Amino acid sequence: MNGGPSGFNNAPVTRSIVIASALFTIIFGIQVAQKSRLVLSGYFQKTSIWKLIVSVFGFSSTPELVFGIYLLYYFRVFERQIGSNKYTVFILFSITTSLLLEVLALWLLKDPSLNILTSGPYGLIFSSFVPFFFDIPVSTRFRVFGLNFSDKTFIYLAGLQLFLSSWKRSMLPGICGMLAGSLYRLNVLRVRRIKFPEFIASFFSRLSWPSMGSSSSTGSSRNLLGNAPPYAVRQMEGNYPAPLSSMMEPPEDAIATLVSMGFDRNSARQALIRSRNDVNAATNILLESQTH
């Protein structure tokens, strides 16, 4: 299972978050591991905002960094679906709400063992599991030793590892993150209607970050929710095998899934025919067609 085309095409905000998390972890997080969210960085004692920024983005250990970056990288699919402007709103809402919920939980629980919480973008990562559970379809199922698994299982296992990495100190931020994601999905305060100006996404797309295997498209945020024209889908036909029959009609639920991502119905239908009704592969066709 993948999040679409490799690299950070059409996901400039995710690219910035991933690189910021890696840099903050390397520079500050590992050196001051196991510190609380409010005192993570000992380098900015006079500037509390730096403590908060470092604690939100910097992981406190290498294993957490590995699993966290993997999940952040995969969840770039949501930025491609809703656009960089709305995804920025999702990031800010998830982080802010999860932090407020953590403060409330600490005040209510009064558990001394929770005075030190693990650091990192737990709010954003576990908020993303809510749309991942509801909106990302299963494309492959398989059995191992008599147990049923799907292509989504590996993402859940990575999240479970991160969730249990520091026991209660990581479980609390994880739970608060999932609650924040649920509030966003319920459209509390109509947050899903909020959209940042175009220059926000343009700023991230123009940042001179390392490409990490693929460069993002200039102005990609303007293309994310645009309708992919039929001729654009045909441009990608050479990259995907032809269907067994041109009369293979895609199921309505698969078409509806792609339409809900912002693609027009005709393009979604053609992409599903080309991918033999594989929703993930069809999504890749449509996303790649937008870069041409």
Protein backbone atom coordinates (compact mmCIF):
# COMPACT_ATOMS: atom_id res chain seq x y z
CA MET A 1 0.00 0.00 0.00
CA ASN A 2 1.25 3.48 -0.79
CA GLY A 3 0.14 7.07 -0.56
CA GLY A 4 0.21 7.69 -4.29
CA PRO A 5 3.21 8.64 -6.41
CA SER A 6 6.50 8.39 -4.54
CA GLY A 7 8.14 11.47 -3.11
CA PHE A 8 6.42 14.69 -2.10
CA ASN A 9 4.72 15.66 -5.34
CA ASN A 10 1.59 17.65 -4.47
CA ALA A 11 2.51 17.50 -0.76
CA PRO A 12 4.76 20.48 0.06
CA VAL A 13 3.38 20.97 3.58
CA THR A 14 4.00 17.33 4.47
CA ARG A 15 7.53 17.62 3.15
CA SER A 16 8.17 20.60 5.45
CA ILE A 17 6.71 18.77 8.46
CA VAL A 18 8.81 15.65 7.82
CA ILE A 19 12.05 17.59 7.44
CA ALA A 20 11.29 19.80 10.45
CA SER A 21 10.64 16.73 12.61
CA ALA A 22 13.86 15.09 11.48
CA LEU A 23 15.94 18.24 12.06
CA PHE A 24 14.44 19.02 15.46
CA THR A 25 14.91 15.42 16.57
CA ILE A 26 18.54 15.28 15.45
CA ILE A 27 19.47 18.69 16.83
CA PHE A 28 17.43 18.74 20.03
CA GLY A 29 15.20 15.72 20.61
CA ILE A 30 17.68 12.86 21.02
CA GLN A 31 20.06 15.01 23.06
CA VAL A 32 17.33 15.90 25.53
CA ALA A 33 15.18 12.77 25.31
CA GLN A 34 12.61 11.98 27.96
CA LYS A 35 12.04 15.66 28.76
CA SER A 36 8.56 17.02 29.15
CA ARG A 37 6.75 18.84 26.38
CA LEU A 38 7.29 22.17 28.07
CA VAL A 39 10.98 21.76 28.87
CA LEU A 40 12.16 19.67 25.94
CA SER A 41 14.82 22.09 24.75
CA GLY A 42 17.32 23.36 27.28
CA TYR A 43 18.73 25.73 24.69
CA PHE A 44 15.89 28.25 24.81
CA GLN A 45 15.19 28.72 28.48
CA LYS A 46 14.09 32.32 27.93
CA THR A 47 11.83 31.61 24.96
CA SER A 48 8.98 29.27 25.86
CA ILE A 49 7.67 29.26 22.29
CA TRP A 50 10.83 27.42 21.23
CA LYS A 51 10.25 24.81 23.88
CA LEU A 52 6.77 24.24 22.55
CA ILE A 53 7.86 24.10 18.88
CA VAL A 54 10.67 21.65 19.55
CA SER A 55 8.48 19.44 21.73
CA VAL A 56 5.74 19.34 19.09
CA PHE A 57 7.99 18.41 16.18
CA GLY A 58 11.03 16.69 17.70
CA PHE A 59 10.83 13.01 18.66
CA SER A 60 12.63 11.89 21.80
CA SER A 61 14.23 8.72 20.42
CA THR A 62 15.46 7.23 17.17
CA PRO A 63 12.83 4.43 16.98
CA GLU A 64 10.05 6.98 17.45
CA LEU A 65 11.61 9.10 14.71
CA VAL A 66 11.70 6.16 12.28
CA PHE A 67 8.07 5.13 12.78
CA GLY A 68 6.86 8.72 13.05
CA ILE A 69 8.51 9.84 9.81
CA TYR A 70 7.18 6.75 8.04
CA LEU A 71 3.62 7.57 9.11
CA LEU A 72 3.92 11.27 8.31
CA TYR A 73 5.25 10.36 4.88
CA TYR A 74 2.42 7.96 4.19
CA PHE A 75 -0.27 10.38 5.38
CA ARG A 76 0.78 12.85 2.67
CA VAL A 77 -2.08 11.23 0.75
CA PHE A 78 -4.50 13.44 2.72
CA GLU A 79 -2.77 16.61 1.60
CA ARG A 80 -3.14 15.40 -1.97
CA GLN A 81 -6.83 14.73 -1.42
CA ILE A 82 -7.95 17.95 0.27
CA GLY A 83 -5.24 20.36 -0.87
CA SER A 84 -2.35 22.00 0.94
CA ASN A 85 -4.43 24.93 2.22
CA LYS A 86 -7.02 22.79 3.99
CA TYR A 87 -4.38 20.32 5.11
CA THR A 88 -2.55 23.16 6.86
CA VAL A 89 -5.77 23.85 8.76
CA PHE A 90 -5.98 20.16 9.66
CA ILE A 91 -2.39 20.23 10.98
CA LEU A 92 -2.91 23.33 13.13
CA PHE A 93 -6.25 22.08 14.45
CA SER A 94 -4.86 18.63 15.27
CA ILE A 95 -1.77 19.92 17.06
CA THR A 96 -3.55 22.69 18.97
CA THR A 97 -6.53 20.58 20.00
CA SER A 98 -4.44 17.60 21.05
CA LEU A 99 -2.20 19.83 23.18
CA LEU A 100 -5.22 21.36 24.91
CA LEU A 101 -6.65 17.90 25.52
CA GLU A 102 -3.33 16.77 26.98
CA VAL A 103 -3.29 19.68 29.40
CA LEU A 104 -6.88 18.90 30.41
CA ALA A 105 -6.10 15.19 30.84
CA LEU A 106 -3.04 15.90 32.98
CA TRP A 107 -5.10 18.22 35.17
CA LEU A 108 -7.86 15.65 35.60
CA LEU A 109 -5.70 12.54 36.07
CA LYS A 110 -3.08 14.08 38.37
CA ASP A 111 -0.85 11.09 37.69
CA PRO A 112 2.82 11.77 38.64
CA SER A 113 4.00 9.31 36.00
CA LEU A 114 2.42 11.50 33.32
CA ASN A 115 4.26 14.66 34.28
CA ILE A 116 6.73 13.84 31.53
CA LEU A 117 5.11 13.15 28.16
CA THR A 118 6.96 11.95 25.10
CA SER A 119 7.61 14.59 22.46
CA GLY A 120 6.86 14.61 18.75
CA PRO A 121 3.95 15.32 16.38
CA TYR A 122 1.74 12.70 18.03
CA GLY A 123 -1.31 14.93 17.68
CA LEU A 124 -0.95 15.18 13.91
CA ILE A 125 -0.03 11.53 13.38
CA PHE A 126 -2.86 10.04 15.42
CA SER A 127 -5.38 12.57 14.13
CA SER A 128 -4.54 11.26 10.67
CA PHE A 129 -5.56 7.75 11.68
CA VAL A 130 -9.19 8.91 11.82
CA PRO A 131 -9.49 9.74 8.08
CA PHE A 132 -7.21 6.79 7.37
CA PHE A 133 -9.70 4.44 9.03
CA PHE A 134 -12.81 5.94 7.42
CA ASP A 135 -11.65 7.19 4.02
CA ILE A 136 -8.83 4.97 2.78
CA PRO A 137 -10.21 1.78 1.23
CA VAL A 138 -8.62 -1.64 1.55
CA SER A 139 -7.21 -2.70 -1.82
CA THR A 140 -5.51 -5.99 -0.88
CA ARG A 141 -6.33 -8.74 1.60
CA PHE A 142 -4.16 -11.72 2.49
CA ARG A 143 -3.77 -14.45 5.11
CA VAL A 144 -0.72 -15.29 7.22
CA PHE A 145 -0.82 -18.35 9.48
CA GLY A 146 -4.59 -18.38 9.21
CA LEU A 147 -4.96 -14.72 10.19
CA ASN A 148 -6.58 -12.15 7.91
CA PHE A 149 -4.60 -9.02 7.05
CA SER A 150 -4.93 -6.14 4.60
CA ASP A 151 -2.58 -3.64 3.04
CA LYS A 152 -3.65 -1.18 5.78
CA THR A 153 -2.35 -3.51 8.49
CA PHE A 154 1.24 -2.29 8.18
CA ILE A 155 0.17 1.32 8.82
CA TYR A 156 -1.79 0.25 11.90
CA LEU A 157 1.19 -1.76 13.20
CA ALA A 158 3.50 1.23 12.78
CA GLY A 159 0.99 3.37 14.65
CA LEU A 160 0.68 0.78 17.41
CA GLN A 161 4.45 0.70 17.82
CA LEU A 162 4.52 4.48 18.16
CA PHE A 163 1.50 4.47 20.45
CA LEU A 164 3.16 2.03 22.88
CA SER A 165 6.72 3.33 22.50
CA SER A 166 6.76 5.06 25.91
CA TRP A 167 3.73 3.38 27.45
CA LYS A 168 1.47 5.90 29.22
CA ARG A 169 3.67 8.85 28.24
CA SER A 170 3.05 8.13 24.55
CA MET A 171 -0.43 6.65 24.88
CA LEU A 172 -1.92 9.88 26.26
CA PRO A 173 -0.73 12.07 23.35
CA GLY A 174 -1.88 9.35 20.96
CA ILE A 175 -5.39 9.23 22.44
CA CYS A 176 -5.61 13.03 22.45
CA GLY A 177 -4.54 13.04 18.81
CA MET A 178 -7.28 10.58 17.84
CA LEU A 179 -9.83 12.69 19.71
CA ALA A 180 -8.62 15.78 17.85
CA GLY A 181 -8.98 13.93 14.55
CA SER A 182 -12.50 12.87 15.49
CA LEU A 183 -13.45 16.46 16.32
CA TYR A 184 -12.11 17.57 12.94
CA ARG A 185 -14.10 14.88 11.17
CA LEU A 186 -17.25 15.92 13.06
CA ASN A 187 -16.61 19.43 11.70
CA VAL A 188 -16.63 21.06 15.13
CA LEU A 189 -16.91 24.83 14.74
CA ARG A 190 -17.11 24.15 10.99
CA VAL A 191 -13.35 23.81 10.94
CA ARG A 192 -13.47 21.83 7.69
CA ARG A 193 -14.76 24.91 5.90
CA ILE A 194 -11.70 26.94 6.85
CA LYS A 195 -9.10 27.37 4.14
CA PHE A 196 -5.80 29.21 4.27
CA PRO A 197 -4.88 31.66 1.49
CA GLU A 198 -3.10 30.28 -1.55
CA PHE A 199 0.20 31.91 -0.61
CA ILE A 200 0.53 29.53 2.36
CA ALA A 201 0.82 26.49 0.12
CA SER A 202 2.90 28.43 -2.38
CA PHE A 203 5.33 29.32 0.40
CA PHE A 204 5.86 25.67 1.33
CA SER A 205 6.16 24.57 -2.29
CA ARG A 206 8.89 27.14 -2.90
CA LEU A 207 10.96 26.29 0.15
CA SER A 208 14.44 25.09 -0.81
CA TRP A 209 14.13 21.84 1.16
CA PRO A 210 16.01 18.75 0.07
CA SER A 211 13.87 16.84 -2.40
CA MET A 212 14.14 13.47 -0.55
CA GLY A 213 13.76 11.50 -3.73
CA SER A 214 11.30 13.64 -5.63
CA SER A 215 10.64 17.29 -6.12
CA SER A 216 7.22 18.76 -5.57
CA SER A 217 5.40 20.41 -8.39
CA THR A 218 5.38 24.20 -8.41
CA GLY A 219 1.94 25.48 -7.57
CA SER A 220 0.75 21.95 -6.92
CA SER A 221 -1.76 23.06 -4.34
CA ARG A 222 -3.79 24.73 -7.07
CA ASN A 223 -4.14 21.40 -8.88
CA LEU A 224 -5.07 19.17 -5.98
CA LEU A 225 -8.83 19.58 -6.12
CA GLY A 226 -9.05 20.40 -9.79
CA ASN A 227 -10.85 17.99 -12.06
CA ALA A 228 -8.48 15.82 -14.05
CA PRO A 229 -9.62 16.00 -17.69
CA PRO A 230 -10.10 12.77 -19.64
CA TYR A 231 -7.20 13.46 -21.96
CA ALA A 232 -4.90 13.73 -18.92
CA VAL A 233 -5.84 10.23 -17.86
CA ARG A 234 -5.07 8.95 -21.33
CA GLN A 235 -1.57 10.44 -21.05
CA MET A 236 -0.81 7.94 -18.31
CA GLU A 237 -2.04 4.84 -20.14
CA GLY A 238 1.46 3.77 -21.05
CA ASN A 239 2.37 3.39 -17.37
CA TYR A 240 -0.44 0.97 -16.52
CA PRO A 241 -1.51 -2.33 -18.06
CA ALA A 242 -4.54 -2.35 -20.30
CA PRO A 243 -7.72 -3.80 -18.81
CA LEU A 244 -8.88 -7.26 -19.76
CA SER A 245 -11.93 -5.76 -21.38
CA SER A 246 -12.82 -2.22 -22.34
CA MET A 247 -16.36 -3.00 -21.15
CA MET A 248 -15.26 -3.64 -17.54
CA GLU A 249 -17.60 -1.30 -15.69
CA PRO A 250 -16.21 -0.01 -12.35
CA PRO A 251 -18.42 -0.41 -9.27
CA GLU A 252 -20.30 2.67 -8.13
CA ASP A 253 -18.72 2.71 -4.68
CA ALA A 254 -15.23 2.89 -6.21
CA ILE A 255 -16.27 5.76 -8.47
CA ALA A 256 -17.86 7.54 -5.50
CA THR A 257 -14.64 7.17 -3.49
CA LEU A 258 -12.61 8.90 -6.21
CA VAL A 259 -15.24 11.57 -6.78
CA SER A 260 -15.17 12.35 -3.04
CA MET A 261 -11.43 13.05 -3.42
CA GLY A 262 -12.21 15.83 -5.90
CA PHE A 263 -11.89 14.06 -9.25
CA ASP A 264 -14.66 14.30 -11.85
CA ARG A 265 -16.76 11.23 -12.45
CA ASN A 266 -15.68 10.52 -16.02
CA SER A 267 -11.97 10.70 -15.20
CA ALA A 268 -12.50 8.49 -12.14
CA ARG A 269 -14.31 5.91 -14.26
CA GLN A 270 -11.57 5.85 -16.90
CA ALA A 271 -8.85 5.53 -14.26
CA LEU A 272 -10.65 2.60 -12.64
CA ILE A 273 -10.96 0.88 -16.00
CA ARG A 274 -7.23 1.34 -16.61
CA SER A 275 -6.39 0.00 -13.13
CA ARG A 276 -8.87 -2.90 -13.30
CA ASN A 277 -10.98 -1.40 -10.52
CA ASP A 278 -8.07 -0.96 -8.09
CA VAL A 279 -8.96 2.25 -6.23
CA ASN A 280 -5.40 2.95 -5.07
CA ALA A 281 -3.94 2.44 -8.53
CA ALA A 282 -6.70 4.60 -10.02
CA THR A 283 -5.89 7.34 -7.52
CA ASN A 284 -2.24 7.16 -8.59
CA ILE A 285 -3.26 7.51 -12.25
CA LEU A 286 -5.33 10.59 -11.52
CA LEU A 287 -2.70 12.20 -9.31
CA GLU A 288 0.09 11.54 -11.78
CA SER A 289 -2.02 12.91 -14.62
CA GLN A 290 -2.26 16.23 -12.79
CA THR A 291 1.52 16.65 -12.94
CA HIS A 292 1.53 16.46 -16.75
